[in-house]
């Protein structure tokens, strides 16, 4: 299973996370990227735990429903594994080696880079460019993941009617989507923080001139808000999720539940930025982008901007794309922050 495919094809981007499957179908029309279709299908609790697929059939059924609803005829897909389950390393190798020779050399030296037996991992590599070590050397990005992580996703896509052609790294997919929108940020900022607020994990990415140079994960996310709603109003997990999405909760929800959660997000962002500043030459950023499901909370971007005194935007990787006329533009703006990975995966069609 290739992480870096050699031949461009049309791939559907499929992002499998703890609470849902997200799908994006991006095509090129008249030289511009075009969002033909997208969809989000909820998953029951326990189907995906800690980014591991527990019930591949349930995920496959969700993918099948999405394909039908989005009227997608393509059958090849790109999906991803989380960065925490992937080992990546940049190594220097002889420029003169062919890909076959390079792979043979990597496998011979694999025990230097990978702490697992080779028969338990999926491994791939890509030449990045000239090495700083010498004129006859190149930098090679090596990526390896435990085979079970990869096979779970291949099986889930197969259940849904898709063939997995690319297994990407989640952070690489998000970076690819981020690059689509970075030129649209006001004043062309040099140093941008992207904060991805997921279900149970928030990740800070620092981008310098559009390239990710730092990331840090924290165990905090939208799950905390869901659990607060459950406890406050005596709802099941599914009921809490539905009421949270449709904003059909009692009047005390905003002051008693949502505002404290937004303040917790602000604390997490501040803490993550301080960690970055303490380990770098910088003590400020030029712009902050919030992504993930919770970033669409009304008023959150304004609160963060006011407290940090830094311009804040909500992520929209489709901002420079043409959009299919059947897509609800208002709903897309609400969903876009949580579609970064799905969008970035769909863009593998154009590598």
C-alpha atoms as a PDB file:
ATOM      1  CA  UNK A   1       0.000   0.000   0.000  1.00  0.00           C
ATOM      2  CA  UNK A   2       1.587   3.211  -1.204  1.00  0.00           C
ATOM      3  CA  UNK A   3       1.736   6.343   0.905  1.00  0.00           C
ATOM      4  CA  UNK A   4       3.312   8.162  -2.064  1.00  0.00           C
ATOM      5  CA  UNK A   5       1.683   6.926  -5.299  1.00  0.00           C
ATOM      6  CA  UNK A   6       3.570   7.406  -8.529  1.00  0.00           C
ATOM      7  CA  UNK A   7       0.577   7.830 -10.842  1.00  0.00           C
ATOM      8  CA  UNK A   8      -2.107  10.493 -10.458  1.00  0.00           C
ATOM      9  CA  UNK A   9      -5.690   9.260 -10.629  1.00  0.00           C
ATOM     10  CA  UNK A  10      -9.085  10.398  -9.382  1.00  0.00           C
ATOM     11  CA  UNK A  11      -9.303   9.636  -5.671  1.00  0.00           C
ATOM     12  CA  UNK A  12     -12.212  10.285  -3.337  1.00  0.00           C
ATOM     13  CA  UNK A  13     -10.914  11.719  -0.044  1.00  0.00           C
ATOM     14  CA  UNK A  14     -12.211   9.689   2.918  1.00  0.00           C
ATOM     15  CA  UNK A  15     -11.464  10.851   6.464  1.00  0.00           C
ATOM     16  CA  UNK A  16     -12.396   8.312   9.174  1.00  0.00           C
ATOM     17  CA  UNK A  17     -12.510   9.798  12.671  1.00  0.00           C
ATOM     18  CA  UNK A  18     -14.047   8.985  16.053  1.00  0.00           C
ATOM     19  CA  UNK A  19     -17.538  10.355  15.424  1.00  0.00           C
ATOM     20  CA  UNK A  20     -17.986  10.340  11.654  1.00  0.00           C
ATOM     21  CA  UNK A  21     -16.792   9.533   8.170  1.00  0.00           C
ATOM     22  CA  UNK A  22     -16.177  12.568   5.963  1.00  0.00           C
ATOM     23  CA  UNK A  23     -15.928  12.388   2.194  1.00  0.00           C
ATOM     24  CA  UNK A  24     -14.816  14.926  -0.418  1.00  0.00           C
ATOM     25  CA  UNK A  25     -14.843  14.666  -4.219  1.00  0.00           C
ATOM     26  CA  UNK A  26     -12.587  17.354  -5.668  1.00  0.00           C
ATOM     27  CA  UNK A  27     -12.062  17.627  -9.419  1.00  0.00           C
ATOM     28  CA  UNK A  28     -10.364  20.091 -11.740  1.00  0.00           C
ATOM     29  CA  UNK A  29     -12.452  22.184 -14.140  1.00  0.00           C
ATOM     30  CA  UNK A  30     -10.944  24.771 -16.492  1.00  0.00           C
ATOM     31  CA  UNK A  31      -7.767  24.896 -14.443  1.00  0.00           C
ATOM     32  CA  UNK A  32      -9.560  25.438 -11.112  1.00  0.00           C
ATOM     33  CA  UNK A  33     -10.267  23.025  -8.287  1.00  0.00           C
ATOM     34  CA  UNK A  34     -13.957  22.186  -8.123  1.00  0.00           C
ATOM     35  CA  UNK A  35     -15.829  20.663  -5.185  1.00  0.00           C
ATOM     36  CA  UNK A  36     -18.233  18.318  -6.910  1.00  0.00           C
ATOM     37  CA  UNK A  37     -19.631  16.707  -3.756  1.00  0.00           C
ATOM     38  CA  UNK A  38     -19.007  16.130  -0.066  1.00  0.00           C
ATOM     39  CA  UNK A  39     -20.727  14.392   2.814  1.00  0.00           C
ATOM     40  CA  UNK A  40     -20.521  13.643   6.527  1.00  0.00           C
ATOM     41  CA  UNK A  41     -21.971  10.475   8.052  1.00  0.00           C
ATOM     42  CA  UNK A  42     -22.119  10.002  11.829  1.00  0.00           C
ATOM     43  CA  UNK A  43     -20.704   6.898  13.495  1.00  0.00           C
ATOM     44  CA  UNK A  44     -22.053   5.279  16.666  1.00  0.00           C
ATOM     45  CA  UNK A  45     -19.916   5.478  19.815  1.00  0.00           C
ATOM     46  CA  UNK A  46     -17.291   2.729  19.987  1.00  0.00           C
ATOM     47  CA  UNK A  47     -17.015   2.138  16.232  1.00  0.00           C
ATOM     48  CA  UNK A  48     -13.706   4.058  16.189  1.00  0.00           C
ATOM     49  CA  UNK A  49     -11.714   4.340  19.438  1.00  0.00           C
ATOM     50  CA  UNK A  50      -8.417   6.218  19.771  1.00  0.00           C
ATOM     51  CA  UNK A  51      -8.234   6.414  15.955  1.00  0.00           C
ATOM     52  CA  UNK A  52      -8.396   2.616  15.666  1.00  0.00           C
ATOM     53  CA  UNK A  53     -11.330   1.135  13.746  1.00  0.00           C
ATOM     54  CA  UNK A  54     -13.106  -1.363  15.998  1.00  0.00           C
ATOM     55  CA  UNK A  55     -16.017  -2.167  13.663  1.00  0.00           C
ATOM     56  CA  UNK A  56     -14.842  -2.088  10.035  1.00  0.00           C
ATOM     57  CA  UNK A  57     -18.251  -3.168   8.741  1.00  0.00           C
ATOM     58  CA  UNK A  58     -20.035  -0.266  10.450  1.00  0.00           C
ATOM     59  CA  UNK A  59     -17.523   2.185   8.971  1.00  0.00           C
ATOM     60  CA  UNK A  60     -17.951   0.526   5.562  1.00  0.00           C
ATOM     61  CA  UNK A  61     -21.727   0.864   5.749  1.00  0.00           C
ATOM     62  CA  UNK A  62     -21.338   4.575   6.567  1.00  0.00           C
ATOM     63  CA  UNK A  63     -19.044   4.990   3.548  1.00  0.00           C
ATOM     64  CA  UNK A  64     -21.593   3.177   1.355  1.00  0.00           C
ATOM     65  CA  UNK A  65     -24.372   5.520   2.498  1.00  0.00           C
ATOM     66  CA  UNK A  66     -22.173   8.532   1.735  1.00  0.00           C
ATOM     67  CA  UNK A  67     -21.325   7.306  -1.764  1.00  0.00           C
ATOM     68  CA  UNK A  68     -25.010   6.822  -2.521  1.00  0.00           C
ATOM     69  CA  UNK A  69     -26.086  10.137  -1.038  1.00  0.00           C
ATOM     70  CA  UNK A  70     -23.316  12.056  -2.810  1.00  0.00           C
ATOM     71  CA  UNK A  71     -23.950  10.169  -6.085  1.00  0.00           C
ATOM     72  CA  UNK A  72     -20.288   9.253  -6.461  1.00  0.00           C
ATOM     73  CA  UNK A  73     -19.358   6.828  -9.218  1.00  0.00           C
ATOM     74  CA  UNK A  74     -15.575   6.764  -8.658  1.00  0.00           C
ATOM     75  CA  UNK A  75     -14.317   3.685  -6.829  1.00  0.00           C
ATOM     76  CA  UNK A  76     -10.776   4.629  -5.762  1.00  0.00           C
ATOM     77  CA  UNK A  77      -9.987   6.494  -2.577  1.00  0.00           C
ATOM     78  CA  UNK A  78      -7.309   8.126  -0.484  1.00  0.00           C
ATOM     79  CA  UNK A  79      -7.593   7.868   3.290  1.00  0.00           C
ATOM     80  CA  UNK A  80      -5.189   8.430   6.171  1.00  0.00           C
ATOM     81  CA  UNK A  81      -3.761   7.182   9.424  1.00  0.00           C
ATOM     82  CA  UNK A  82      -3.058   9.528  12.334  1.00  0.00           C
ATOM     83  CA  UNK A  83       0.410  10.959  12.728  1.00  0.00           C
ATOM     84  CA  UNK A  84       0.782   9.315  16.142  1.00  0.00           C
ATOM     85  CA  UNK A  85       0.570   5.871  14.488  1.00  0.00           C
ATOM     86  CA  UNK A  86       3.152   6.685  11.800  1.00  0.00           C
ATOM     87  CA  UNK A  87       6.924   6.826  12.073  1.00  0.00           C
ATOM     88  CA  UNK A  88       8.494   9.355   9.711  1.00  0.00           C
ATOM     89  CA  UNK A  89      12.159  10.076   9.245  1.00  0.00           C
ATOM     90  CA  UNK A  90      14.167  12.068   6.711  1.00  0.00           C
ATOM     91  CA  UNK A  91      17.330  10.231   5.676  1.00  0.00           C
ATOM     92  CA  UNK A  92      20.143  11.013   3.235  1.00  0.00           C
ATOM     93  CA  UNK A  93      20.793   8.570   0.396  1.00  0.00           C
ATOM     94  CA  UNK A  94      22.918   8.318  -2.734  1.00  0.00           C
ATOM     95  CA  UNK A  95      21.350  10.241  -5.626  1.00  0.00           C
ATOM     96  CA  UNK A  96      22.404   7.570  -8.144  1.00  0.00           C
ATOM     97  CA  UNK A  97      20.224   4.816  -6.620  1.00  0.00           C
ATOM     98  CA  UNK A  98      17.127   3.705  -8.516  1.00  0.00           C
ATOM     99  CA  UNK A  99      13.818   3.405  -6.623  1.00  0.00           C
ATOM    100  CA  UNK A 100      14.240  -0.377  -6.477  1.00  0.00           C
ATOM    101  CA  UNK A 101      17.779  -0.052  -5.107  1.00  0.00           C
ATOM    102  CA  UNK A 102      16.672   2.645  -2.690  1.00  0.00           C
ATOM    103  CA  UNK A 103      13.857   0.459  -1.336  1.00  0.00           C
ATOM    104  CA  UNK A 104      16.241  -2.502  -0.946  1.00  0.00           C
ATOM    105  CA  UNK A 105      18.698  -0.314   0.979  1.00  0.00           C
ATOM    106  CA  UNK A 106      15.943   1.062   3.238  1.00  0.00           C
ATOM    107  CA  UNK A 107      14.751  -2.458   4.040  1.00  0.00           C
ATOM    108  CA  UNK A 108      18.312  -3.538   4.854  1.00  0.00           C
ATOM    109  CA  UNK A 109      18.710  -0.613   7.234  1.00  0.00           C
ATOM    110  CA  UNK A 110      15.090  -0.609   8.500  1.00  0.00           C
ATOM    111  CA  UNK A 111      15.979  -1.642  12.046  1.00  0.00           C
ATOM    112  CA  UNK A 112      17.775   1.718  12.408  1.00  0.00           C
ATOM    113  CA  UNK A 113      14.561   3.623  11.754  1.00  0.00           C
ATOM    114  CA  UNK A 114      11.623   1.373  12.672  1.00  0.00           C
ATOM    115  CA  UNK A 115      11.142  -0.276  16.088  1.00  0.00           C
ATOM    116  CA  UNK A 116       8.925  -3.074  14.670  1.00  0.00           C
ATOM    117  CA  UNK A 117       9.619  -6.171  12.570  1.00  0.00           C
ATOM    118  CA  UNK A 118       9.341  -5.382   8.864  1.00  0.00           C
ATOM    119  CA  UNK A 119       6.582  -7.951   8.370  1.00  0.00           C
ATOM    120  CA  UNK A 120       4.392  -5.946  10.796  1.00  0.00           C
ATOM    121  CA  UNK A 121       4.607  -2.591   8.998  1.00  0.00           C
ATOM    122  CA  UNK A 122       3.626  -0.883   5.770  1.00  0.00           C
ATOM    123  CA  UNK A 123       6.549   1.177   4.556  1.00  0.00           C
ATOM    124  CA  UNK A 124       7.013   3.734   1.791  1.00  0.00           C
ATOM    125  CA  UNK A 125       9.397   6.526   0.849  1.00  0.00           C
ATOM    126  CA  UNK A 126       9.615   9.618  -1.338  1.00  0.00           C
ATOM    127  CA  UNK A 127      12.617  11.613  -2.548  1.00  0.00           C
ATOM    128  CA  UNK A 128      12.235  15.181  -1.250  1.00  0.00           C
ATOM    129  CA  UNK A 129      15.138  16.885  -3.021  1.00  0.00           C
ATOM    130  CA  UNK A 130      18.861  17.661  -2.731  1.00  0.00           C
ATOM    131  CA  UNK A 131      20.603  16.826   0.528  1.00  0.00           C
ATOM    132  CA  UNK A 132      22.617  19.282   2.598  1.00  0.00           C
ATOM    133  CA  UNK A 133      25.154  16.516   3.252  1.00  0.00           C
ATOM    134  CA  UNK A 134      26.649  16.419  -0.253  1.00  0.00           C
ATOM    135  CA  UNK A 135      26.029  17.144  -3.924  1.00  0.00           C
ATOM    136  CA  UNK A 136      25.645  13.432  -4.725  1.00  0.00           C
ATOM    137  CA  UNK A 137      23.007  12.843  -2.028  1.00  0.00           C
ATOM    138  CA  UNK A 138      19.249  13.368  -1.784  1.00  0.00           C
ATOM    139  CA  UNK A 139      16.863  13.684   1.148  1.00  0.00           C
ATOM    140  CA  UNK A 140      14.368  10.833   1.372  1.00  0.00           C
ATOM    141  CA  UNK A 141      11.221  10.873   3.520  1.00  0.00           C
ATOM    142  CA  UNK A 142      10.611   7.437   5.037  1.00  0.00           C
ATOM    143  CA  UNK A 143       7.136   6.661   6.423  1.00  0.00           C
ATOM    144  CA  UNK A 144       6.033   3.478   8.181  1.00  0.00           C
ATOM    145  CA  UNK A 145       2.862   2.434   9.993  1.00  0.00           C
ATOM    146  CA  UNK A 146       1.806  -0.748  11.751  1.00  0.00           C
ATOM    147  CA  UNK A 147       0.057  -2.930   9.167  1.00  0.00           C
ATOM    148  CA  UNK A 148      -3.049  -3.349  11.336  1.00  0.00           C
ATOM    149  CA  UNK A 149      -3.704   0.426  11.181  1.00  0.00           C
ATOM    150  CA  UNK A 150      -3.488   0.362   7.397  1.00  0.00           C
ATOM    151  CA  UNK A 151      -5.445  -2.866   6.889  1.00  0.00           C
ATOM    152  CA  UNK A 152      -8.351  -1.656   9.044  1.00  0.00           C
ATOM    153  CA  UNK A 153      -8.844   1.276   6.687  1.00  0.00           C
ATOM    154  CA  UNK A 154      -8.433  -0.810   3.537  1.00  0.00           C
ATOM    155  CA  UNK A 155     -11.084  -3.244   4.825  1.00  0.00           C
ATOM    156  CA  UNK A 156     -13.494  -0.469   5.847  1.00  0.00           C
ATOM    157  CA  UNK A 157     -13.262   1.185   2.436  1.00  0.00           C
ATOM    158  CA  UNK A 158     -13.741  -2.189   0.728  1.00  0.00           C
ATOM    159  CA  UNK A 159     -16.929  -2.792   2.757  1.00  0.00           C
ATOM    160  CA  UNK A 160     -18.174   0.572   1.500  1.00  0.00           C
ATOM    161  CA  UNK A 161     -17.364  -0.151  -2.138  1.00  0.00           C
ATOM    162  CA  UNK A 162     -14.077   1.746  -2.480  1.00  0.00           C
ATOM    163  CA  UNK A 163     -10.575   0.571  -3.275  1.00  0.00           C
ATOM    164  CA  UNK A 164      -7.897   2.191  -1.109  1.00  0.00           C
ATOM    165  CA  UNK A 165      -5.164   3.454  -3.436  1.00  0.00           C
ATOM    166  CA  UNK A 166      -3.425   5.837  -1.035  1.00  0.00           C
ATOM    167  CA  UNK A 167      -2.949   5.671   2.731  1.00  0.00           C
ATOM    168  CA  UNK A 168      -1.727   9.140   3.647  1.00  0.00           C
ATOM    169  CA  UNK A 169      -0.637  10.688   6.944  1.00  0.00           C
ATOM    170  CA  UNK A 170      -3.377  12.841   8.465  1.00  0.00           C
ATOM    171  CA  UNK A 171      -1.124  15.840   9.145  1.00  0.00           C
ATOM    172  CA  UNK A 172       0.126  15.767   5.524  1.00  0.00           C
ATOM    173  CA  UNK A 173      -3.474  15.828   4.257  1.00  0.00           C
ATOM    174  CA  UNK A 174      -4.331  18.767   6.532  1.00  0.00           C
ATOM    175  CA  UNK A 175      -1.212  20.639   5.381  1.00  0.00           C
ATOM    176  CA  UNK A 176      -2.192  20.087   1.742  1.00  0.00           C
ATOM    177  CA  UNK A 177      -5.645  21.578   2.402  1.00  0.00           C
ATOM    178  CA  UNK A 178      -4.151  24.434   4.434  1.00  0.00           C
ATOM    179  CA  UNK A 179      -1.969  25.455   1.480  1.00  0.00           C
ATOM    180  CA  UNK A 180      -5.125  26.027  -0.577  1.00  0.00           C
ATOM    181  CA  UNK A 181      -6.347  28.722   1.786  1.00  0.00           C
ATOM    182  CA  UNK A 182      -3.168  30.299   3.186  1.00  0.00           C
ATOM    183  CA  UNK A 183      -2.889  32.810   0.307  1.00  0.00           C
ATOM    184  CA  UNK A 184      -6.392  34.040   1.119  1.00  0.00           C
ATOM    185  CA  UNK A 185      -5.474  35.062   4.675  1.00  0.00           C
ATOM    186  CA  UNK A 186      -5.285  38.852   5.091  1.00  0.00           C
ATOM    187  CA  UNK A 187      -1.872  40.559   4.905  1.00  0.00           C
ATOM    188  CA  UNK A 188      -0.135  37.323   3.752  1.00  0.00           C
ATOM    189  CA  UNK A 189       1.104  36.273   7.217  1.00  0.00           C
ATOM    190  CA  UNK A 190       4.496  34.545   7.500  1.00  0.00           C
ATOM    191  CA  UNK A 191       3.858  32.544  10.690  1.00  0.00           C
ATOM    192  CA  UNK A 192       0.400  30.987  11.040  1.00  0.00           C
ATOM    193  CA  UNK A 193      -0.953  28.727  13.778  1.00  0.00           C
ATOM    194  CA  UNK A 194      -3.597  26.194  12.733  1.00  0.00           C
ATOM    195  CA  UNK A 195      -5.527  24.749  15.678  1.00  0.00           C
ATOM    196  CA  UNK A 196      -7.486  21.604  14.792  1.00  0.00           C
ATOM    197  CA  UNK A 197     -10.088  20.936  17.504  1.00  0.00           C
ATOM    198  CA  UNK A 198     -11.124  17.310  17.099  1.00  0.00           C
ATOM    199  CA  UNK A 199     -13.403  15.014  19.079  1.00  0.00           C
ATOM    200  CA  UNK A 200     -10.939  14.163  21.844  1.00  0.00           C
ATOM    201  CA  UNK A 201      -7.705  15.720  20.614  1.00  0.00           C
ATOM    202  CA  UNK A 202      -6.634  19.249  19.741  1.00  0.00           C
ATOM    203  CA  UNK A 203      -3.573  19.664  17.540  1.00  0.00           C
ATOM    204  CA  UNK A 204      -1.563  22.839  17.062  1.00  0.00           C
ATOM    205  CA  UNK A 205       0.276  23.150  13.748  1.00  0.00           C
ATOM    206  CA  UNK A 206       2.684  26.011  13.097  1.00  0.00           C
ATOM    207  CA  UNK A 207       3.143  26.930   9.430  1.00  0.00           C
ATOM    208  CA  UNK A 208       5.969  29.135   8.202  1.00  0.00           C
ATOM    209  CA  UNK A 209       5.374  30.463   4.687  1.00  0.00           C
ATOM    210  CA  UNK A 210       2.724  27.763   4.195  1.00  0.00           C
ATOM    211  CA  UNK A 211       4.876  24.800   5.327  1.00  0.00           C
ATOM    212  CA  UNK A 212       4.189  22.975   8.605  1.00  0.00           C
ATOM    213  CA  UNK A 213       7.253  23.213  10.856  1.00  0.00           C
ATOM    214  CA  UNK A 214       5.820  22.174  14.253  1.00  0.00           C
ATOM    215  CA  UNK A 215       2.881  20.292  15.743  1.00  0.00           C
ATOM    216  CA  UNK A 216       1.702  19.433  19.236  1.00  0.00           C
ATOM    217  CA  UNK A 217      -1.241  17.288  20.349  1.00  0.00           C
ATOM    218  CA  UNK A 218      -3.320  17.719  23.503  1.00  0.00           C
ATOM    219  CA  UNK A 219      -6.052  15.461  24.877  1.00  0.00           C
ATOM    220  CA  UNK A 220      -8.935  17.902  24.658  1.00  0.00           C
ATOM    221  CA  UNK A 221     -11.787  18.264  22.198  1.00  0.00           C
ATOM    222  CA  UNK A 222     -15.499  18.390  21.427  1.00  0.00           C
ATOM    223  CA  UNK A 223     -16.088  15.256  23.527  1.00  0.00           C
ATOM    224  CA  UNK A 224     -15.854  17.411  26.663  1.00  0.00           C
ATOM    225  CA  UNK A 225     -18.720  19.600  25.431  1.00  0.00           C
ATOM    226  CA  UNK A 226     -20.837  16.563  24.522  1.00  0.00           C
ATOM    227  CA  UNK A 227     -20.288  15.024  27.961  1.00  0.00           C
ATOM    228  CA  UNK A 228     -21.188  18.312  29.674  1.00  0.00           C
ATOM    229  CA  UNK A 229     -24.454  18.403  27.714  1.00  0.00           C
ATOM    230  CA  UNK A 230     -25.182  14.776  28.657  1.00  0.00           C
ATOM    231  CA  UNK A 231     -24.578  15.408  32.351  1.00  0.00           C
ATOM    232  CA  UNK A 232     -26.477  18.696  32.468  1.00  0.00           C
ATOM    233  CA  UNK A 233     -29.622  17.607  30.629  1.00  0.00           C
ATOM    234  CA  UNK A 234     -29.687  13.838  31.185  1.00  0.00           C
ATOM    235  CA  UNK A 235     -29.309  12.973  27.495  1.00  0.00           C
ATOM    236  CA  UNK A 236     -27.746   9.988  25.782  1.00  0.00           C
ATOM    237  CA  UNK A 237     -24.527  10.504  23.824  1.00  0.00           C
ATOM    238  CA  UNK A 238     -26.409  10.425  20.499  1.00  0.00           C
ATOM    239  CA  UNK A 239     -29.061  12.880  21.778  1.00  0.00           C
ATOM    240  CA  UNK A 240     -26.371  15.236  23.076  1.00  0.00           C
ATOM    241  CA  UNK A 241     -24.544  15.154  19.722  1.00  0.00           C
ATOM    242  CA  UNK A 242     -27.750  15.875  17.760  1.00  0.00           C
ATOM    243  CA  UNK A 243     -28.815  18.706  20.079  1.00  0.00           C
ATOM    244  CA  UNK A 244     -25.321  20.183  19.979  1.00  0.00           C
ATOM    245  CA  UNK A 245     -25.301  20.192  16.161  1.00  0.00           C
ATOM    246  CA  UNK A 246     -28.840  21.560  15.780  1.00  0.00           C
ATOM    247  CA  UNK A 247     -28.438  24.055  18.640  1.00  0.00           C
ATOM    248  CA  UNK A 248     -31.721  22.940  20.226  1.00  0.00           C
ATOM    249  CA  UNK A 249     -30.805  23.154  23.908  1.00  0.00           C
ATOM    250  CA  UNK A 250     -32.323  25.102  26.839  1.00  0.00           C
ATOM    251  CA  UNK A 251     -31.643  28.811  27.352  1.00  0.00           C
ATOM    252  CA  UNK A 252     -29.000  28.200  30.031  1.00  0.00           C
ATOM    253  CA  UNK A 253     -26.843  26.213  27.571  1.00  0.00           C
ATOM    254  CA  UNK A 254     -24.841  29.196  26.326  1.00  0.00           C
ATOM    255  CA  UNK A 255     -23.857  30.744  29.678  1.00  0.00           C
ATOM    256  CA  UNK A 256     -23.578  27.532  31.700  1.00  0.00           C
ATOM    257  CA  UNK A 257     -22.098  25.011  29.227  1.00  0.00           C
ATOM    258  CA  UNK A 258     -20.917  26.564  25.961  1.00  0.00           C
ATOM    259  CA  UNK A 259     -19.121  29.644  27.294  1.00  0.00           C
ATOM    260  CA  UNK A 260     -16.994  27.649  29.794  1.00  0.00           C
ATOM    261  CA  UNK A 261     -16.124  25.203  26.984  1.00  0.00           C
ATOM    262  CA  UNK A 262     -15.043  28.077  24.718  1.00  0.00           C
ATOM    263  CA  UNK A 263     -12.887  29.417  27.551  1.00  0.00           C
ATOM    264  CA  UNK A 264     -11.308  25.955  27.885  1.00  0.00           C
ATOM    265  CA  UNK A 265     -10.490  25.977  24.155  1.00  0.00           C
ATOM    266  CA  UNK A 266      -8.838  29.360  24.604  1.00  0.00           C
ATOM    267  CA  UNK A 267      -6.758  27.977  27.493  1.00  0.00           C
ATOM    268  CA  UNK A 268      -5.656  24.999  25.385  1.00  0.00           C
ATOM    269  CA  UNK A 269      -4.655  27.259  22.494  1.00  0.00           C
ATOM    270  CA  UNK A 270      -2.745  29.604  24.783  1.00  0.00           C
ATOM    271  CA  UNK A 271      -0.926  26.709  26.470  1.00  0.00           C
ATOM    272  CA  UNK A 272       0.027  25.109  23.157  1.00  0.00           C
ATOM    273  CA  UNK A 273       1.334  28.392  21.763  1.00  0.00           C
ATOM    274  CA  UNK A 274       3.427  28.950  24.899  1.00  0.00           C
ATOM    275  CA  UNK A 275       4.998  25.513  24.426  1.00  0.00           C
ATOM    276  CA  UNK A 276       5.899  26.461  20.878  1.00  0.00           C
ATOM    277  CA  UNK A 277       7.286  29.875  21.813  1.00  0.00           C
ATOM    278  CA  UNK A 278       9.448  28.330  24.551  1.00  0.00           C
ATOM    279  CA  UNK A 279      11.121  26.021  22.028  1.00  0.00           C
ATOM    280  CA  UNK A 280      11.512  28.447  19.109  1.00  0.00           C
ATOM    281  CA  UNK A 281      12.899  31.880  18.263  1.00  0.00           C
ATOM    282  CA  UNK A 282       9.382  33.334  18.041  1.00  0.00           C
ATOM    283  CA  UNK A 283       7.202  34.873  20.728  1.00  0.00           C
ATOM    284  CA  UNK A 284       4.194  35.726  18.583  1.00  0.00           C
ATOM    285  CA  UNK A 285       2.311  34.567  15.500  1.00  0.00           C
ATOM    286  CA  UNK A 286       0.899  36.605  12.629  1.00  0.00           C
ATOM    287  CA  UNK A 287      -2.425  34.796  12.246  1.00  0.00           C
ATOM    288  CA  UNK A 288      -4.396  31.944  13.807  1.00  0.00           C
ATOM    289  CA  UNK A 289      -6.748  29.585  11.977  1.00  0.00           C
ATOM    290  CA  UNK A 290      -9.160  27.330  13.862  1.00  0.00           C
ATOM    291  CA  UNK A 291     -10.367  24.066  12.315  1.00  0.00           C
ATOM    292  CA  UNK A 292     -12.251  20.940  13.383  1.00  0.00           C
ATOM    293  CA  UNK A 293     -15.886  20.471  14.316  1.00  0.00           C
ATOM    294  CA  UNK A 294     -15.847  22.765  17.356  1.00  0.00           C
ATOM    295  CA  UNK A 295     -14.320  25.678  15.447  1.00  0.00           C
ATOM    296  CA  UNK A 296     -17.747  26.441  13.932  1.00  0.00           C
ATOM    297  CA  UNK A 297     -19.126  27.451  17.368  1.00  0.00           C
ATOM    298  CA  UNK A 298     -20.602  30.963  16.906  1.00  0.00           C
ATOM    299  CA  UNK A 299     -18.453  33.573  18.615  1.00  0.00           C
ATOM    300  CA  UNK A 300     -15.426  31.328  19.212  1.00  0.00           C
ATOM    301  CA  UNK A 301     -13.177  32.970  16.598  1.00  0.00           C
ATOM    302  CA  UNK A 302     -14.056  36.421  17.944  1.00  0.00           C
ATOM    303  CA  UNK A 303     -13.333  35.382  21.530  1.00  0.00           C
ATOM    304  CA  UNK A 304      -9.940  33.918  20.617  1.00  0.00           C
ATOM    305  CA  UNK A 305      -9.043  36.985  18.547  1.00  0.00           C
ATOM    306  CA  UNK A 306      -9.970  39.352  21.346  1.00  0.00           C
ATOM    307  CA  UNK A 307      -8.073  37.425  24.027  1.00  0.00           C
ATOM    308  CA  UNK A 308      -4.915  36.722  22.000  1.00  0.00           C
ATOM    309  CA  UNK A 309      -4.920  40.022  20.083  1.00  0.00           C
ATOM    310  CA  UNK A 310      -4.114  38.125  16.874  1.00  0.00           C
ATOM    311  CA  UNK A 311      -6.235  37.934  13.677  1.00  0.00           C
ATOM    312  CA  UNK A 312      -8.288  34.702  13.718  1.00  0.00           C
ATOM    313  CA  UNK A 313      -9.997  32.912  10.817  1.00  0.00           C
ATOM    314  CA  UNK A 314     -12.146  29.805  10.625  1.00  0.00           C
ATOM    315  CA  UNK A 315     -10.689  27.228   8.208  1.00  0.00           C
ATOM    316  CA  UNK A 316     -12.266  26.843   4.779  1.00  0.00           C
ATOM    317  CA  UNK A 317     -10.120  24.814   2.360  1.00  0.00           C
ATOM    318  CA  UNK A 318     -12.731  25.343  -0.380  1.00  0.00           C
ATOM    319  CA  UNK A 319     -12.492  29.136  -0.354  1.00  0.00           C
ATOM    320  CA  UNK A 320     -10.690  29.285  -3.719  1.00  0.00           C
ATOM    321  CA  UNK A 321     -12.648  26.461  -5.365  1.00  0.00           C
ATOM    322  CA  UNK A 322     -15.682  26.535  -7.577  1.00  0.00           C
ATOM    323  CA  UNK A 323     -18.600  24.792  -5.879  1.00  0.00           C
ATOM    324  CA  UNK A 324     -21.157  22.494  -7.482  1.00  0.00           C
ATOM    325  CA  UNK A 325     -24.537  24.223  -7.700  1.00  0.00           C
ATOM    326  CA  UNK A 326     -26.314  21.449  -5.753  1.00  0.00           C
ATOM    327  CA  UNK A 327     -24.189  22.069  -2.641  1.00  0.00           C
ATOM    328  CA  UNK A 328     -25.781  24.204   0.096  1.00  0.00           C
ATOM    329  CA  UNK A 329     -23.224  27.023   0.438  1.00  0.00           C
ATOM    330  CA  UNK A 330     -24.296  27.990   3.965  1.00  0.00           C
ATOM    331  CA  UNK A 331     -24.047  24.394   5.165  1.00  0.00           C
ATOM    332  CA  UNK A 332     -20.643  24.071   3.491  1.00  0.00           C
ATOM    333  CA  UNK A 333     -19.291  27.077   5.394  1.00  0.00           C
ATOM    334  CA  UNK A 334     -20.425  25.386   8.622  1.00  0.00           C
ATOM    335  CA  UNK A 335     -18.939  22.005   7.661  1.00  0.00           C
ATOM    336  CA  UNK A 336     -15.736  23.210   5.968  1.00  0.00           C
ATOM    337  CA  UNK A 337     -13.577  23.504   9.143  1.00  0.00           C
ATOM    338  CA  UNK A 338     -14.048  19.784   9.819  1.00  0.00           C
ATOM    339  CA  UNK A 339     -13.270  18.777   6.217  1.00  0.00           C
ATOM    340  CA  UNK A 340      -9.585  19.742   6.118  1.00  0.00           C
ATOM    341  CA  UNK A 341      -8.315  16.150   6.080  1.00  0.00           C
ATOM    342  CA  UNK A 342     -10.958  14.913   3.599  1.00  0.00           C
ATOM    343  CA  UNK A 343     -10.155  17.797   1.261  1.00  0.00           C
ATOM    344  CA  UNK A 344      -6.400  17.230   1.535  1.00  0.00           C
ATOM    345  CA  UNK A 345      -6.885  13.540   0.792  1.00  0.00           C
ATOM    346  CA  UNK A 346      -8.968  14.293  -2.295  1.00  0.00           C
ATOM    347  CA  UNK A 347      -6.142  16.530  -3.530  1.00  0.00           C
ATOM    348  CA  UNK A 348      -3.910  13.456  -3.836  1.00  0.00           C
ATOM    349  CA  UNK A 349      -5.542  13.067  -7.253  1.00  0.00           C
ATOM    350  CA  UNK A 350      -3.424  15.990  -8.458  1.00  0.00           C
ATOM    351  CA  UNK A 351       0.010  15.170  -7.001  1.00  0.00           C
END
